[in-house]
């Protein structure tokens, strides 16, 4: 009986270190967001709502300006270049450049 108990404990002790390597490491969600591909869309402003920070182009594309983007007073008819990512199913503008 004593030999069986010692053998069982030895097997358990040998198996414990293997369980730590069984699951892949989890990465924080913020790391995934940093690696999202930025897309650029050029177009003409059809609407700008400063209160909601929503920019709409003539093409129908709508972008929510990220809080890091300094919002300008975009005018209807202005040519812009929007650099954006998809976040939570919406287009989030990381930068907007007005073209001349």
C-alpha atoms as a PDB file:
ATOM      1  CA  UNK A   1       0.000   0.000   0.000  1.00  0.00           C
ATOM      2  CA  UNK A   2       2.850   2.327   0.893  1.00  0.00           C
ATOM      3  CA  UNK A   3       4.532   1.672  -2.484  1.00  0.00           C
ATOM      4  CA  UNK A   4       1.307   2.485  -4.337  1.00  0.00           C
ATOM      5  CA  UNK A   5       0.926   5.794  -2.499  1.00  0.00           C
ATOM      6  CA  UNK A   6       4.545   6.781  -3.165  1.00  0.00           C
ATOM      7  CA  UNK A   7       4.154   5.853  -6.847  1.00  0.00           C
ATOM      8  CA  UNK A   8       0.928   7.845  -7.167  1.00  0.00           C
ATOM      9  CA  UNK A   9       2.489  10.908  -5.521  1.00  0.00           C
ATOM     10  CA  UNK A  10       5.500  10.648  -7.815  1.00  0.00           C
ATOM     11  CA  UNK A  11       3.247  10.562 -10.895  1.00  0.00           C
ATOM     12  CA  UNK A  12       1.262  13.561  -9.689  1.00  0.00           C
ATOM     13  CA  UNK A  13       4.454  15.495  -8.926  1.00  0.00           C
ATOM     14  CA  UNK A  14       5.821  14.756 -12.406  1.00  0.00           C
ATOM     15  CA  UNK A  15       2.577  15.779 -14.126  1.00  0.00           C
ATOM     16  CA  UNK A  16       2.141  19.160 -12.427  1.00  0.00           C
ATOM     17  CA  UNK A  17       4.911  20.996 -14.271  1.00  0.00           C
ATOM     18  CA  UNK A  18       3.471  19.817 -17.616  1.00  0.00           C
ATOM     19  CA  UNK A  19       0.085  21.399 -16.963  1.00  0.00           C
ATOM     20  CA  UNK A  20       1.640  24.859 -16.785  1.00  0.00           C
ATOM     21  CA  UNK A  21       2.748  24.534 -20.421  1.00  0.00           C
ATOM     22  CA  UNK A  22      -0.529  23.086 -21.697  1.00  0.00           C
ATOM     23  CA  UNK A  23      -2.347  26.381 -22.360  1.00  0.00           C
ATOM     24  CA  UNK A  24      -0.870  29.116 -24.560  1.00  0.00           C
ATOM     25  CA  UNK A  25      -0.176  32.411 -22.811  1.00  0.00           C
ATOM     26  CA  UNK A  26      -2.943  34.986 -22.977  1.00  0.00           C
ATOM     27  CA  UNK A  27      -2.129  38.395 -24.361  1.00  0.00           C
ATOM     28  CA  UNK A  28      -3.930  41.502 -23.190  1.00  0.00           C
ATOM     29  CA  UNK A  29      -6.616  42.898 -25.505  1.00  0.00           C
ATOM     30  CA  UNK A  30      -4.697  46.148 -25.814  1.00  0.00           C
ATOM     31  CA  UNK A  31      -1.843  44.363 -27.545  1.00  0.00           C
ATOM     32  CA  UNK A  32      -4.225  43.143 -30.247  1.00  0.00           C
ATOM     33  CA  UNK A  33      -5.610  46.645 -30.778  1.00  0.00           C
ATOM     34  CA  UNK A  34      -2.140  48.064 -31.395  1.00  0.00           C
ATOM     35  CA  UNK A  35      -1.565  45.603 -34.224  1.00  0.00           C
ATOM     36  CA  UNK A  36      -4.731  46.411 -36.164  1.00  0.00           C
ATOM     37  CA  UNK A  37      -4.166  47.471 -39.733  1.00  0.00           C
ATOM     38  CA  UNK A  38      -4.783  51.141 -40.430  1.00  0.00           C
ATOM     39  CA  UNK A  39      -6.789  51.851 -43.571  1.00  0.00           C
ATOM     40  CA  UNK A  40      -6.846  55.153 -45.442  1.00  0.00           C
ATOM     41  CA  UNK A  41      -9.940  56.528 -47.148  1.00  0.00           C
ATOM     42  CA  UNK A  42      -9.916  59.701 -49.243  1.00  0.00           C
ATOM     43  CA  UNK A  43     -13.152  61.561 -49.834  1.00  0.00           C
ATOM     44  CA  UNK A  44     -15.278  64.675 -49.539  1.00  0.00           C
ATOM     45  CA  UNK A  45     -16.990  65.724 -46.306  1.00  0.00           C
ATOM     46  CA  UNK A  46     -20.777  65.560 -46.500  1.00  0.00           C
ATOM     47  CA  UNK A  47     -21.477  66.061 -42.764  1.00  0.00           C
ATOM     48  CA  UNK A  48     -19.621  66.792 -39.526  1.00  0.00           C
ATOM     49  CA  UNK A  49     -21.179  66.553 -36.052  1.00  0.00           C
ATOM     50  CA  UNK A  50     -18.785  68.045 -33.503  1.00  0.00           C
ATOM     51  CA  UNK A  51     -20.910  66.976 -30.527  1.00  0.00           C
ATOM     52  CA  UNK A  52     -20.747  63.270 -31.458  1.00  0.00           C
ATOM     53  CA  UNK A  53     -17.378  63.528 -33.276  1.00  0.00           C
ATOM     54  CA  UNK A  54     -18.884  61.809 -36.340  1.00  0.00           C
ATOM     55  CA  UNK A  55     -17.535  62.563 -39.819  1.00  0.00           C
ATOM     56  CA  UNK A  56     -19.485  61.439 -42.890  1.00  0.00           C
ATOM     57  CA  UNK A  57     -18.121  61.370 -46.423  1.00  0.00           C
ATOM     58  CA  UNK A  58     -20.022  61.645 -49.730  1.00  0.00           C
ATOM     59  CA  UNK A  59     -19.273  57.958 -50.293  1.00  0.00           C
ATOM     60  CA  UNK A  60     -21.480  57.128 -47.280  1.00  0.00           C
ATOM     61  CA  UNK A  61     -18.561  56.137 -45.051  1.00  0.00           C
ATOM     62  CA  UNK A  62     -18.965  57.314 -41.451  1.00  0.00           C
ATOM     63  CA  UNK A  63     -16.110  57.652 -38.987  1.00  0.00           C
ATOM     64  CA  UNK A  64     -16.048  58.343 -35.258  1.00  0.00           C
ATOM     65  CA  UNK A  65     -13.008  60.445 -34.405  1.00  0.00           C
ATOM     66  CA  UNK A  66     -10.829  58.925 -31.694  1.00  0.00           C
ATOM     67  CA  UNK A  67     -10.413  61.066 -28.584  1.00  0.00           C
ATOM     68  CA  UNK A  68      -6.730  61.514 -29.463  1.00  0.00           C
ATOM     69  CA  UNK A  69      -7.683  63.276 -32.725  1.00  0.00           C
ATOM     70  CA  UNK A  70      -7.913  67.057 -32.483  1.00  0.00           C
ATOM     71  CA  UNK A  71     -11.239  67.799 -34.128  1.00  0.00           C
ATOM     72  CA  UNK A  72     -11.296  70.663 -36.604  1.00  0.00           C
ATOM     73  CA  UNK A  73     -14.334  72.449 -37.982  1.00  0.00           C
ATOM     74  CA  UNK A  74     -14.775  70.262 -41.056  1.00  0.00           C
ATOM     75  CA  UNK A  75     -16.843  71.884 -43.809  1.00  0.00           C
ATOM     76  CA  UNK A  76     -19.106  70.243 -46.355  1.00  0.00           C
ATOM     77  CA  UNK A  77     -17.201  69.830 -49.610  1.00  0.00           C
ATOM     78  CA  UNK A  78     -13.721  69.675 -48.014  1.00  0.00           C
ATOM     79  CA  UNK A  79     -11.422  66.983 -49.345  1.00  0.00           C
ATOM     80  CA  UNK A  80     -10.023  64.828 -46.529  1.00  0.00           C
ATOM     81  CA  UNK A  81      -7.921  61.748 -45.981  1.00  0.00           C
ATOM     82  CA  UNK A  82      -9.074  59.590 -43.054  1.00  0.00           C
ATOM     83  CA  UNK A  83      -6.741  57.036 -41.439  1.00  0.00           C
ATOM     84  CA  UNK A  84      -8.874  54.562 -39.505  1.00  0.00           C
ATOM     85  CA  UNK A  85      -9.206  51.133 -37.886  1.00  0.00           C
ATOM     86  CA  UNK A  86     -12.214  48.980 -37.163  1.00  0.00           C
ATOM     87  CA  UNK A  87     -13.047  48.841 -33.468  1.00  0.00           C
ATOM     88  CA  UNK A  88     -16.146  47.145 -32.066  1.00  0.00           C
ATOM     89  CA  UNK A  89     -17.596  46.993 -35.578  1.00  0.00           C
ATOM     90  CA  UNK A  90     -17.280  50.749 -36.207  1.00  0.00           C
ATOM     91  CA  UNK A  91     -14.751  52.820 -38.136  1.00  0.00           C
ATOM     92  CA  UNK A  92     -12.568  54.739 -35.681  1.00  0.00           C
ATOM     93  CA  UNK A  93     -10.567  57.594 -37.232  1.00  0.00           C
ATOM     94  CA  UNK A  94      -7.076  57.880 -35.776  1.00  0.00           C
ATOM     95  CA  UNK A  95      -6.118  60.837 -38.001  1.00  0.00           C
ATOM     96  CA  UNK A  96      -7.892  63.158 -40.433  1.00  0.00           C
ATOM     97  CA  UNK A  97      -5.945  65.310 -42.900  1.00  0.00           C
ATOM     98  CA  UNK A  98      -7.570  68.100 -44.869  1.00  0.00           C
ATOM     99  CA  UNK A  99      -6.367  68.169 -48.488  1.00  0.00           C
ATOM    100  CA  UNK A 100      -5.793  71.415 -50.330  1.00  0.00           C
END
